[in-house]
Amino acid sequence: AIAEARDKGDLSENAEYDAAKEAQGMLEMKINQLKKVISEA
């Protein structure tokens, strides 16, 4: 989704790109939290 949004041009006014980057950040946070729970289980 990030690659597709990037291909659409100007990133400064690209809401799709911003949303995809935010979703990526949220997912990475969830992955890190899950890894922590698993490592301490």
PDB file of all heavy atoms in Angstrom:
ATOM      1  N   ALA A   1       0.836  -1.213   0.000  1.00  0.00           N
ATOM      2  CA  ALA A   1       0.000   0.000   0.000  1.00  0.00           C
ATOM      3  C   ALA A   1       0.864   1.253   0.000  1.00  0.00           C
ATOM      4  O   ALA A   1       0.547   2.246  -0.667  1.00  0.00           O
ATOM      5  CB  ALA A   1      -0.941  -0.008   1.201  1.00  0.00           C
ATOM      6  N   ILE A   2       1.978   1.224   0.745  1.00  0.00           N
ATOM      7  CA  ILE A   2       2.892   2.374   0.773  1.00  0.00           C
ATOM      8  C   ILE A   2       3.514   2.584  -0.598  1.00  0.00           C
ATOM      9  O   ILE A   2       3.578   3.708  -1.109  1.00  0.00           O
ATOM     10  CB  ILE A   2       3.985   2.185   1.845  1.00  0.00           C
ATOM     11  CG1 ILE A   2       3.366   2.280   3.248  1.00  0.00           C
ATOM     12  CG2 ILE A   2       5.106   3.213   1.689  1.00  0.00           C
ATOM     13  CD1 ILE A   2       4.310   1.892   4.371  1.00  0.00           C
ATOM     14  N   ALA A   3       3.950   1.490  -1.228  1.00  0.00           N
ATOM     15  CA  ALA A   3       4.561   1.589  -2.562  1.00  0.00           C
ATOM     16  C   ALA A   3       3.564   2.127  -3.582  1.00  0.00           C
ATOM     17  O   ALA A   3       3.903   2.979  -4.416  1.00  0.00           O
ATOM     18  CB  ALA A   3       5.085   0.227  -2.997  1.00  0.00           C
ATOM     19  N   GLU A   4       2.327   1.660  -3.494  1.00  0.00           N
ATOM     20  CA  GLU A   4       1.290   2.112  -4.428  1.00  0.00           C
ATOM     21  C   GLU A   4       1.000   3.600  -4.229  1.00  0.00           C
ATOM     22  O   GLU A   4       0.871   4.359  -5.199  1.00  0.00           O
ATOM     23  CB  GLU A   4       0.020   1.296  -4.185  1.00  0.00           C
ATOM     24  CG  GLU A   4      -1.069   1.523  -5.211  1.00  0.00           C
ATOM     25  CD  GLU A   4      -2.277   0.638  -4.958  1.00  0.00           C
ATOM     26  OE1 GLU A   4      -2.098  -0.578  -4.756  1.00  0.00           O
ATOM     27  OE2 GLU A   4      -3.397   1.183  -4.951  1.00  0.00           O
ATOM     28  N   ALA A   5       0.920   4.032  -2.979  1.00  0.00           N
ATOM     29  CA  ALA A   5       0.651   5.445  -2.693  1.00  0.00           C
ATOM     30  C   ALA A   5       1.829   6.313  -3.133  1.00  0.00           C
ATOM     31  O   ALA A   5       1.635   7.420  -3.638  1.00  0.00           O
ATOM     32  CB  ALA A   5       0.378   5.631  -1.204  1.00  0.00           C
ATOM     33  N   ARG A   6       3.051   5.805  -2.958  1.00  0.00           N
ATOM     34  CA  ARG A   6       4.246   6.553  -3.350  1.00  0.00           C
ATOM     35  C   ARG A   6       4.269   6.771  -4.868  1.00  0.00           C
ATOM     36  O   ARG A   6       4.704   7.822  -5.352  1.00  0.00           O
ATOM     37  CB  ARG A   6       5.499   5.780  -2.907  1.00  0.00           C
ATOM     38  CG  ARG A   6       6.771   6.595  -3.048  1.00  0.00           C
ATOM     39  CD  ARG A   6       8.013   5.842  -2.607  1.00  0.00           C
ATOM     40  NE  ARG A   6       7.968   5.497  -1.198  1.00  0.00           N
ATOM     41  CZ  ARG A   6       8.189   4.268  -0.710  1.00  0.00           C
ATOM     42  NH1 ARG A   6       8.464   3.279  -1.517  1.00  0.00           N
ATOM     43  NH2 ARG A   6       8.135   4.037   0.583  1.00  0.00           N
ATOM     44  N   ASP A   7       3.788   5.770  -5.615  1.00  0.00           N
ATOM     45  CA  ASP A   7       3.773   5.864  -7.079  1.00  0.00           C
ATOM     46  C   ASP A   7       2.804   6.925  -7.596  1.00  0.00           C
ATOM     47  O   ASP A   7       2.887   7.325  -8.748  1.00  0.00           O
ATOM     48  CB  ASP A   7       3.399   4.509  -7.702  1.00  0.00           C
ATOM     49  CG  ASP A   7       4.501   3.474  -7.525  1.00  0.00           C
ATOM     50  OD1 ASP A   7       5.652   3.868  -7.229  1.00  0.00           O
ATOM     51  OD2 ASP A   7       4.194   2.268  -7.669  1.00  0.00           O
ATOM     52  N   LYS A   8       1.910   7.393  -6.737  1.00  0.00           N
ATOM     53  CA  LYS A   8       0.899   8.365  -7.168  1.00  0.00           C
ATOM     54  C   LYS A   8       1.421   9.794  -7.162  1.00  0.00           C
ATOM     55  O   LYS A   8       0.685  10.722  -7.450  1.00  0.00           O
ATOM     56  CB  LYS A   8      -0.353   8.253  -6.309  1.00  0.00           C
ATOM     57  CG  LYS A   8      -1.075   6.942  -6.558  1.00  0.00           C
ATOM     58  CD  LYS A   8      -2.362   6.856  -5.815  1.00  0.00           C
ATOM     59  CE  LYS A   8      -3.026   5.526  -6.163  1.00  0.00           C
ATOM     60  NZ  LYS A   8      -4.223   5.299  -5.399  1.00  0.00           N
ATOM     61  N   GLY A   9       2.680   9.974  -6.767  1.00  0.00           N
ATOM     62  CA  GLY A   9       3.240  11.314  -6.889  1.00  0.00           C
ATOM     63  C   GLY A   9       3.548  11.999  -5.585  1.00  0.00           C
ATOM     64  O   GLY A   9       4.011  11.385  -4.643  1.00  0.00           O
ATOM     65  N   ASP A  10       3.289  13.297  -5.538  1.00  0.00           N
ATOM     66  CA  ASP A  10       3.653  14.202  -4.451  1.00  0.00           C
ATOM     67  C   ASP A  10       3.251  13.645  -3.080  1.00  0.00           C
ATOM     68  O   ASP A  10       2.076  13.534  -2.751  1.00  0.00           O
ATOM     69  CB  ASP A  10       2.981  15.561  -4.695  1.00  0.00           C
ATOM     70  CG  ASP A  10       3.393  16.599  -3.670  1.00  0.00           C
ATOM     71  OD1 ASP A  10       4.362  16.342  -2.914  1.00  0.00           O
ATOM     72  OD2 ASP A  10       2.763  17.667  -3.630  1.00  0.00           O
ATOM     73  N   LEU A  11       4.240  13.309  -2.258  1.00  0.00           N
ATOM     74  CA  LEU A  11       3.984  12.707  -0.958  1.00  0.00           C
ATOM     75  C   LEU A  11       3.502  13.719   0.076  1.00  0.00           C
ATOM     76  O   LEU A  11       2.868  13.355   1.056  1.00  0.00           O
ATOM     77  CB  LEU A  11       5.248  12.010  -0.431  1.00  0.00           C
ATOM     78  CG  LEU A  11       5.757  10.842  -1.282  1.00  0.00           C
ATOM     79  CD1 LEU A  11       6.999  10.241  -0.628  1.00  0.00           C
ATOM     80  CD2 LEU A  11       4.694   9.783  -1.455  1.00  0.00           C
ATOM     81  N   SER A  12       3.779  15.001  -0.142  1.00  0.00           N
ATOM     82  CA  SER A  12       3.396  16.012   0.845  1.00  0.00           C
ATOM     83  C   SER A  12       1.881  16.191   0.934  1.00  0.00           C
ATOM     84  O   SER A  12       1.368  16.617   1.960  1.00  0.00           O
ATOM     85  CB  SER A  12       4.071  17.348   0.543  1.00  0.00           C
ATOM     86  OG  SER A  12       3.599  17.848  -0.692  1.00  0.00           O
ATOM     87  N   GLU A  13       1.152  15.868  -0.128  1.00  0.00           N
ATOM     88  CA  GLU A  13      -0.304  16.019  -0.120  1.00  0.00           C
ATOM     89  C   GLU A  13      -0.995  14.702  -0.416  1.00  0.00           C
ATOM     90  O   GLU A  13      -2.110  14.676  -0.917  1.00  0.00           O
ATOM     91  CB  GLU A  13      -0.722  17.065  -1.159  1.00  0.00           C
ATOM     92  CG  GLU A  13      -0.228  18.453  -0.824  1.00  0.00           C
ATOM     93  CD  GLU A  13      -0.657  19.480  -1.856  1.00  0.00           C
ATOM     94  OE1 GLU A  13      -1.528  19.175  -2.672  1.00  0.00           O
ATOM     95  OE2 GLU A  13      -0.106  20.590  -1.820  1.00  0.00           O
ATOM     96  N   ASN A  14      -0.352  13.591  -0.080  1.00  0.00           N
ATOM     97  CA  ASN A  14      -0.892  12.281  -0.405  1.00  0.00           C
ATOM     98  C   ASN A  14      -1.451  11.632   0.868  1.00  0.00           C
ATOM     99  O   ASN A  14      -0.720  11.062   1.668  1.00  0.00           O
ATOM    100  CB  ASN A  14       0.219  11.425  -1.032  1.00  0.00           C
ATOM    101  CG  ASN A  14      -0.288  10.130  -1.605  1.00  0.00           C
ATOM    102  OD1 ASN A  14      -1.281   9.588  -1.140  1.00  0.00           O
ATOM    103  ND2 ASN A  14       0.411   9.629  -2.603  1.00  0.00           N
ATOM    104  N   ALA A  15      -2.771  11.694   1.026  1.00  0.00           N
ATOM    105  CA  ALA A  15      -3.417  11.148   2.224  1.00  0.00           C
ATOM    106  C   ALA A  15      -3.285   9.630   2.292  1.00  0.00           C
ATOM    107  O   ALA A  15      -3.156   9.064   3.382  1.00  0.00           O
ATOM    108  CB  ALA A  15      -4.888  11.546   2.241  1.00  0.00           C
ATOM    109  N   GLU A  16      -3.301   8.978   1.135  1.00  0.00           N
ATOM    110  CA  GLU A  16      -3.149   7.513   1.120  1.00  0.00           C
ATOM    111  C   GLU A  16      -1.791   7.104   1.681  1.00  0.00           C
ATOM    112  O   GLU A  16      -1.681   6.148   2.440  1.00  0.00           O
ATOM    113  CB  GLU A  16      -3.280   6.967  -0.303  1.00  0.00           C
ATOM    114  CG  GLU A  16      -4.693   6.873  -0.812  1.00  0.00           C
ATOM    115  CD  GLU A  16      -4.737   6.316  -2.223  1.00  0.00           C
ATOM    116  OE1 GLU A  16      -4.160   5.232  -2.459  1.00  0.00           O
ATOM    117  OE2 GLU A  16      -5.351   6.965  -3.084  1.00  0.00           O
ATOM    118  N   TYR A  17      -0.766   7.838   1.306  1.00  0.00           N
ATOM    119  CA  TYR A  17       0.583   7.546   1.780  1.00  0.00           C
ATOM    120  C   TYR A  17       0.666   7.750   3.298  1.00  0.00           C
ATOM    121  O   TYR A  17       1.180   6.903   4.017  1.00  0.00           O
ATOM    122  CB  TYR A  17       1.599   8.446   1.061  1.00  0.00           C
ATOM    123  CG  TYR A  17       3.024   8.237   1.512  1.00  0.00           C
ATOM    124  CD1 TYR A  17       3.760   7.151   1.054  1.00  0.00           C
ATOM    125  CD2 TYR A  17       3.627   9.121   2.401  1.00  0.00           C
ATOM    126  CE1 TYR A  17       5.072   6.948   1.474  1.00  0.00           C
ATOM    127  CE2 TYR A  17       4.937   8.935   2.828  1.00  0.00           C
ATOM    128  CZ  TYR A  17       5.652   7.847   2.356  1.00  0.00           C
ATOM    129  OH  TYR A  17       6.943   7.635   2.770  1.00  0.00           O
ATOM    130  N   ASP A  18       0.104   8.867   3.781  1.00  0.00           N
ATOM    131  CA  ASP A  18       0.117   9.137   5.220  1.00  0.00           C
ATOM    132  C   ASP A  18      -0.616   8.053   5.991  1.00  0.00           C
ATOM    133  O   ASP A  18      -0.155   7.583   7.033  1.00  0.00           O
ATOM    134  CB  ASP A  18      -0.519  10.504   5.516  1.00  0.00           C
ATOM    135  CG  ASP A  18       0.326  11.667   4.997  1.00  0.00           C
ATOM    136  OD1 ASP A  18       1.535  11.456   4.761  1.00  0.00           O
ATOM    137  OD2 ASP A  18      -0.224  12.771   4.832  1.00  0.00           O
ATOM    138  N   ALA A  19      -1.779   7.628   5.470  1.00  0.00           N
ATOM    139  CA  ALA A  19      -2.569   6.587   6.144  1.00  0.00           C
ATOM    140  C   ALA A  19      -1.814   5.262   6.157  1.00  0.00           C
ATOM    141  O   ALA A  19      -1.800   4.553   7.171  1.00  0.00           O
ATOM    142  CB  ALA A  19      -3.918   6.422   5.452  1.00  0.00           C
ATOM    143  N   ALA A  20      -1.169   4.923   5.044  1.00  0.00           N
ATOM    144  CA  ALA A  20      -0.421   3.668   4.964  1.00  0.00           C
ATOM    145  C   ALA A  20       0.778   3.685   5.912  1.00  0.00           C
ATOM    146  O   ALA A  20       1.078   2.679   6.575  1.00  0.00           O
ATOM    147  CB  ALA A  20       0.026   3.407   3.531  1.00  0.00           C
ATOM    148  N   LYS A  21       1.467   4.819   5.996  1.00  0.00           N
ATOM    149  CA  LYS A  21       2.608   4.935   6.918  1.00  0.00           C
ATOM    150  C   LYS A  21       2.140   4.828   8.374  1.00  0.00           C
ATOM    151  O   LYS A  21       2.805   4.203   9.204  1.00  0.00           O
ATOM    152  CB  LYS A  21       3.356   6.255   6.702  1.00  0.00           C
ATOM    153  CG  LYS A  21       4.185   6.324   5.434  1.00  0.00           C
ATOM    154  CD  LYS A  21       5.268   5.280   5.372  1.00  0.00           C
ATOM    155  CE  LYS A  21       6.484   5.696   6.140  1.00  0.00           C
ATOM    156  NZ  LYS A  21       7.591   4.737   6.034  1.00  0.00           N
ATOM    157  N   GLU A  22       0.983   5.437   8.672  1.00  0.00           N
ATOM    158  CA  GLU A  22       0.445   5.358  10.036  1.00  0.00           C
ATOM    159  C   GLU A  22       0.055   3.911  10.362  1.00  0.00           C
ATOM    160  O   GLU A  22       0.324   3.418  11.459  1.00  0.00           O
ATOM    161  CB  GLU A  22      -0.768   6.279  10.185  1.00  0.00           C
ATOM    162  CG  GLU A  22      -1.273   6.328  11.617  1.00  0.00           C
ATOM    163  CD  GLU A  22      -2.367   7.362  11.814  1.00  0.00           C
ATOM    164  OE1 GLU A  22      -2.366   8.405  11.139  1.00  0.00           O
ATOM    165  OE2 GLU A  22      -3.215   7.101  12.678  1.00  0.00           O
ATOM    166  N   ALA A  23      -0.564   3.228   9.401  1.00  0.00           N
ATOM    167  CA  ALA A  23      -0.939   1.822   9.600  1.00  0.00           C
ATOM    168  C   ALA A  23       0.302   0.965   9.816  1.00  0.00           C
ATOM    169  O   ALA A  23       0.302   0.051  10.648  1.00  0.00           O
ATOM    170  CB  ALA A  23      -1.743   1.314   8.397  1.00  0.00           C
ATOM    171  N   GLN A  24       1.371   1.281   9.095  1.00  0.00           N
ATOM    172  CA  GLN A  24       2.623   0.550   9.257  1.00  0.00           C
ATOM    173  C   GLN A  24       3.181   0.752  10.672  1.00  0.00           C
ATOM    174  O   GLN A  24       3.611  -0.202  11.322  1.00  0.00           O
ATOM    175  CB  GLN A  24       3.655   1.007   8.216  1.00  0.00           C
ATOM    176  CG  GLN A  24       4.972   0.251   8.330  1.00  0.00           C
ATOM    177  CD  GLN A  24       6.029   0.782   7.381  1.00  0.00           C
ATOM    178  OE1 GLN A  24       6.104   1.988   7.136  1.00  0.00           O
ATOM    179  NE2 GLN A  24       6.825  -0.114   6.845  1.00  0.00           N
ATOM    180  N   GLY A  25       3.151   1.969  11.145  1.00  0.00           N
ATOM    181  CA  GLY A  25       3.632   2.254  12.497  1.00  0.00           C
ATOM    182  C   GLY A  25       2.826   1.519  13.557  1.00  0.00           C
ATOM    183  O   GLY A  25       3.387   0.962  14.508  1.00  0.00           O
ATOM    184  N   MET A  26       1.506   1.494  13.400  1.00  0.00           N
ATOM    185  CA  MET A  26       0.635   0.792  14.346  1.00  0.00           C
ATOM    186  C   MET A  26       0.916  -0.710  14.330  1.00  0.00           C
ATOM    187  O   MET A  26       0.989  -1.347  15.383  1.00  0.00           O
ATOM    188  CB  MET A  26      -0.845   1.057  14.022  1.00  0.00           C
ATOM    189  CG  MET A  26      -1.263   2.497  14.202  1.00  0.00           C
ATOM    190  SD  MET A  26      -1.144   3.062  15.905  1.00  0.00           S
ATOM    191  CE  MET A  26      -2.517   2.197  16.614  1.00  0.00           C
ATOM    192  N   LEU A  27       1.074  -1.272  13.127  1.00  0.00           N
ATOM    193  CA  LEU A  27       1.347  -2.708  13.014  1.00  0.00           C
ATOM    194  C   LEU A  27       2.683  -3.067  13.656  1.00  0.00           C
ATOM    195  O   LEU A  27       2.787  -4.046  14.394  1.00  0.00           O
ATOM    196  CB  LEU A  27       1.325  -3.152  11.545  1.00  0.00           C
ATOM    197  CG  LEU A  27       1.634  -4.638  11.320  1.00  0.00           C
ATOM    198  CD1 LEU A  27       0.545  -5.512  11.942  1.00  0.00           C
ATOM    199  CD2 LEU A  27       1.773  -4.935   9.846  1.00  0.00           C
ATOM    200  N   GLU A  28       3.700  -2.260  13.386  1.00  0.00           N
ATOM    201  CA  GLU A  28       5.017  -2.536  13.969  1.00  0.00           C
ATOM    202  C   GLU A  28       4.966  -2.450  15.495  1.00  0.00           C
ATOM    203  O   GLU A  28       5.612  -3.236  16.190  1.00  0.00           O
ATOM    204  CB  GLU A  28       6.076  -1.582  13.411  1.00  0.00           C
ATOM    205  CG  GLU A  28       6.385  -1.797  11.935  1.00  0.00           C
ATOM    206  CD  GLU A  28       6.861  -3.206  11.601  1.00  0.00           C
ATOM    207  OE1 GLU A  28       7.578  -3.825  12.415  1.00  0.00           O
ATOM    208  OE2 GLU A  28       6.503  -3.700  10.514  1.00  0.00           O
ATOM    209  N   MET A  29       4.160  -1.518  16.023  1.00  0.00           N
ATOM    210  CA  MET A  29       4.007  -1.411  17.468  1.00  0.00           C
ATOM    211  C   MET A  29       3.338  -2.679  18.027  1.00  0.00           C
ATOM    212  O   MET A  29       3.780  -3.237  19.035  1.00  0.00           O
ATOM    213  CB  MET A  29       3.162  -0.182  17.820  1.00  0.00           C
ATOM    214  CG  MET A  29       3.021   0.051  19.307  1.00  0.00           C
ATOM    215  SD  MET A  29       2.043   1.518  19.700  1.00  0.00           S
ATOM    216  CE  MET A  29       0.409   0.974  19.232  1.00  0.00           C
ATOM    217  N   LYS A  30       2.277  -3.162  17.344  1.00  0.00           N
ATOM    218  CA  LYS A  30       1.598  -4.384  17.778  1.00  0.00           C
ATOM    219  C   LYS A  30       2.548  -5.584  17.733  1.00  0.00           C
ATOM    220  O   LYS A  30       2.556  -6.416  18.641  1.00  0.00           O
ATOM    221  CB  LYS A  30       0.385  -4.677  16.884  1.00  0.00           C
ATOM    222  CG  LYS A  30      -0.797  -3.806  17.139  1.00  0.00           C
ATOM    223  CD  LYS A  30      -1.923  -4.215  16.197  1.00  0.00           C
ATOM    224  CE  LYS A  30      -3.092  -3.283  16.269  1.00  0.00           C
ATOM    225  NZ  LYS A  30      -4.131  -3.623  15.282  1.00  0.00           N
ATOM    226  N   ILE A  31       3.337  -5.669  16.665  1.00  0.00           N
ATOM    227  CA  ILE A  31       4.299  -6.778  16.523  1.00  0.00           C
ATOM    228  C   ILE A  31       5.300  -6.746  17.671  1.00  0.00           C
ATOM    229  O   ILE A  31       5.591  -7.782  18.280  1.00  0.00           O
ATOM    230  CB  ILE A  31       4.991  -6.729  15.142  1.00  0.00           C
ATOM    231  CG1 ILE A  31       4.008  -7.139  14.041  1.00  0.00           C
ATOM    232  CG2 ILE A  31       6.238  -7.619  15.123  1.00  0.00           C
ATOM    233  CD1 ILE A  31       4.522  -6.938  12.629  1.00  0.00           C
ATOM    234  N   ASN A  32       5.819  -5.569  17.971  1.00  0.00           N
ATOM    235  CA  ASN A  32       6.803  -5.453  19.057  1.00  0.00           C
ATOM    236  C   ASN A  32       6.199  -5.803  20.412  1.00  0.00           C
ATOM    237  O   ASN A  32       6.845  -6.467  21.231  1.00  0.00           O
ATOM    238  CB  ASN A  32       7.422  -4.049  19.085  1.00  0.00           C
ATOM    239  CG  ASN A  32       8.375  -3.840  17.935  1.00  0.00           C
ATOM    240  OD1 ASN A  32       8.959  -4.773  17.406  1.00  0.00           O
ATOM    241  ND2 ASN A  32       8.520  -2.591  17.516  1.00  0.00           N
ATOM    242  N   GLN A  33       4.963  -5.374  20.659  1.00  0.00           N
ATOM    243  CA  GLN A  33       4.292  -5.707  21.919  1.00  0.00           C
ATOM    244  C   GLN A  33       4.073  -7.217  22.024  1.00  0.00           C
ATOM    245  O   GLN A  33       4.291  -7.812  23.079  1.00  0.00           O
ATOM    246  CB  GLN A  33       2.949  -4.980  22.029  1.00  0.00           C
ATOM    247  CG  GLN A  33       3.071  -3.512  22.314  1.00  0.00           C
ATOM    248  CD  GLN A  33       1.732  -2.788  22.283  1.00  0.00           C
ATOM    249  OE1 GLN A  33       0.770  -3.241  21.662  1.00  0.00           O
ATOM    250  NE2 GLN A  33       1.678  -1.641  22.948  1.00  0.00           N
ATOM    251  N   LEU A  34       3.657  -7.829  20.938  1.00  0.00           N
ATOM    252  CA  LEU A  34       3.420  -9.269  20.919  1.00  0.00           C
ATOM    253  C   LEU A  34       4.712 -10.044  21.139  1.00  0.00           C
ATOM    254  O   LEU A  34       4.740 -11.021  21.891  1.00  0.00           O
ATOM    255  CB  LEU A  34       2.766  -9.659  19.591  1.00  0.00           C
ATOM    256  CG  LEU A  34       2.058 -10.988  19.506  1.00  0.00           C
ATOM    257  CD1 LEU A  34       1.077 -11.179  20.641  1.00  0.00           C
ATOM    258  CD2 LEU A  34       1.335 -11.111  18.174  1.00  0.00           C
ATOM    259  N   LYS A  35       5.788  -9.592  20.512  1.00  0.00           N
ATOM    260  CA  LYS A  35       7.090 -10.244  20.706  1.00  0.00           C
ATOM    261  C   LYS A  35       7.523 -10.160  22.167  1.00  0.00           C
ATOM    262  O   LYS A  35       8.089 -11.106  22.712  1.00  0.00           O
ATOM    263  CB  LYS A  35       8.157  -9.615  19.807  1.00  0.00           C
ATOM    264  CG  LYS A  35       8.071 -10.071  18.364  1.00  0.00           C
ATOM    265  CD  LYS A  35       9.179  -9.456  17.539  1.00  0.00           C
ATOM    266  CE  LYS A  35       9.156  -9.979  16.116  1.00  0.00           C
ATOM    267  NZ  LYS A  35      10.235  -9.405  15.304  1.00  0.00           N
ATOM    268  N   LYS A  36       7.241  -9.025  22.808  1.00  0.00           N
ATOM    269  CA  LYS A  36       7.602  -8.863  24.222  1.00  0.00           C
ATOM    270  C   LYS A  36       6.812  -9.832  25.093  1.00  0.00           C
ATOM    271  O   LYS A  36       7.371 -10.501  25.968  1.00  0.00           O
ATOM    272  CB  LYS A  36       7.357  -7.421  24.666  1.00  0.00           C
ATOM    273  CG  LYS A  36       7.771  -7.136  26.097  1.00  0.00           C
ATOM    274  CD  LYS A  36       7.600  -5.668  26.437  1.00  0.00           C
ATOM    275  CE  LYS A  36       8.209  -5.340  27.769  1.00  0.00           C
ATOM    276  NZ  LYS A  36       7.302  -5.348  28.871  1.00  0.00           N
ATOM    277  N   VAL A  37       5.500  -9.930  24.844  1.00  0.00           N
ATOM    278  CA  VAL A  37       4.660 -10.857  25.610  1.00  0.00           C
ATOM    279  C   VAL A  37       5.143 -12.292  25.423  1.00  0.00           C
ATOM    280  O   VAL A  37       5.278 -13.046  26.385  1.00  0.00           O
ATOM    281  CB  VAL A  37       3.168 -10.729  25.185  1.00  0.00           C
ATOM    282  CG1 VAL A  37       2.333 -11.857  25.759  1.00  0.00           C
ATOM    283  CG2 VAL A  37       2.607  -9.381  25.618  1.00  0.00           C
ATOM    284  N   ILE A  38       5.448 -12.658  24.183  1.00  0.00           N
ATOM    285  CA  ILE A  38       5.912 -14.019  23.886  1.00  0.00           C
ATOM    286  C   ILE A  38       7.250 -14.292  24.566  1.00  0.00           C
ATOM    287  O   ILE A  38       7.463 -15.366  25.138  1.00  0.00           O
ATOM    288  CB  ILE A  38       6.002 -14.239  22.353  1.00  0.00           C
ATOM    289  CG1 ILE A  38       4.579 -14.301  21.769  1.00  0.00           C
ATOM    290  CG2 ILE A  38       6.792 -15.496  22.016  1.00  0.00           C
ATOM    291  CD1 ILE A  38       4.525 -14.244  20.259  1.00  0.00           C
ATOM    292  N   SER A  39       8.151 -13.316  24.539  1.00  0.00           N
ATOM    293  CA  SER A  39       9.479 -13.530  25.133  1.00  0.00           C
ATOM    294  C   SER A  39       9.407 -13.678  26.651  1.00  0.00           C
ATOM    295  O   SER A  39      10.247 -14.343  27.256  1.00  0.00           O
ATOM    296  CB  SER A  39      10.431 -12.391  24.761  1.00  0.00           C
ATOM    297  OG  SER A  39      10.086 -11.210  25.448  1.00  0.00           O
ATOM    298  N   GLU A  40       8.396 -13.078  27.278  1.00  0.00           N
ATOM    299  CA  GLU A  40       8.264 -13.141  28.730  1.00  0.00           C
ATOM    300  C   GLU A  40       7.316 -14.253  29.188  1.00  0.00           C
ATOM    301  O   GLU A  40       7.142 -14.468  30.378  1.00  0.00           O
ATOM    302  CB  GLU A  40       7.763 -11.798  29.266  1.00  0.00           C
ATOM    303  CG  GLU A  40       8.757 -10.675  29.061  1.00  0.00           C
ATOM    304  CD  GLU A  40       8.208  -9.305  29.441  1.00  0.00           C
ATOM    305  OE1 GLU A  40       7.000  -9.182  29.742  1.00  0.00           O
ATOM    306  OE2 GLU A  40       9.001  -8.348  29.432  1.00  0.00           O
ATOM    307  N   ALA A  41       6.715 -14.959  28.232  1.00  0.00           N
ATOM    308  CA  ALA A  41       5.714 -15.974  28.569  1.00  0.00           C
ATOM    309  C   ALA A  41       6.346 -17.184  29.239  1.00  0.00           C
ATOM    310  O   ALA A  41       7.455 -17.606  28.903  1.00  0.00           O
ATOM    311  CB  ALA A  41       4.980 -16.412  27.302  1.00  0.00           C
TER     312      ALA A  41
END
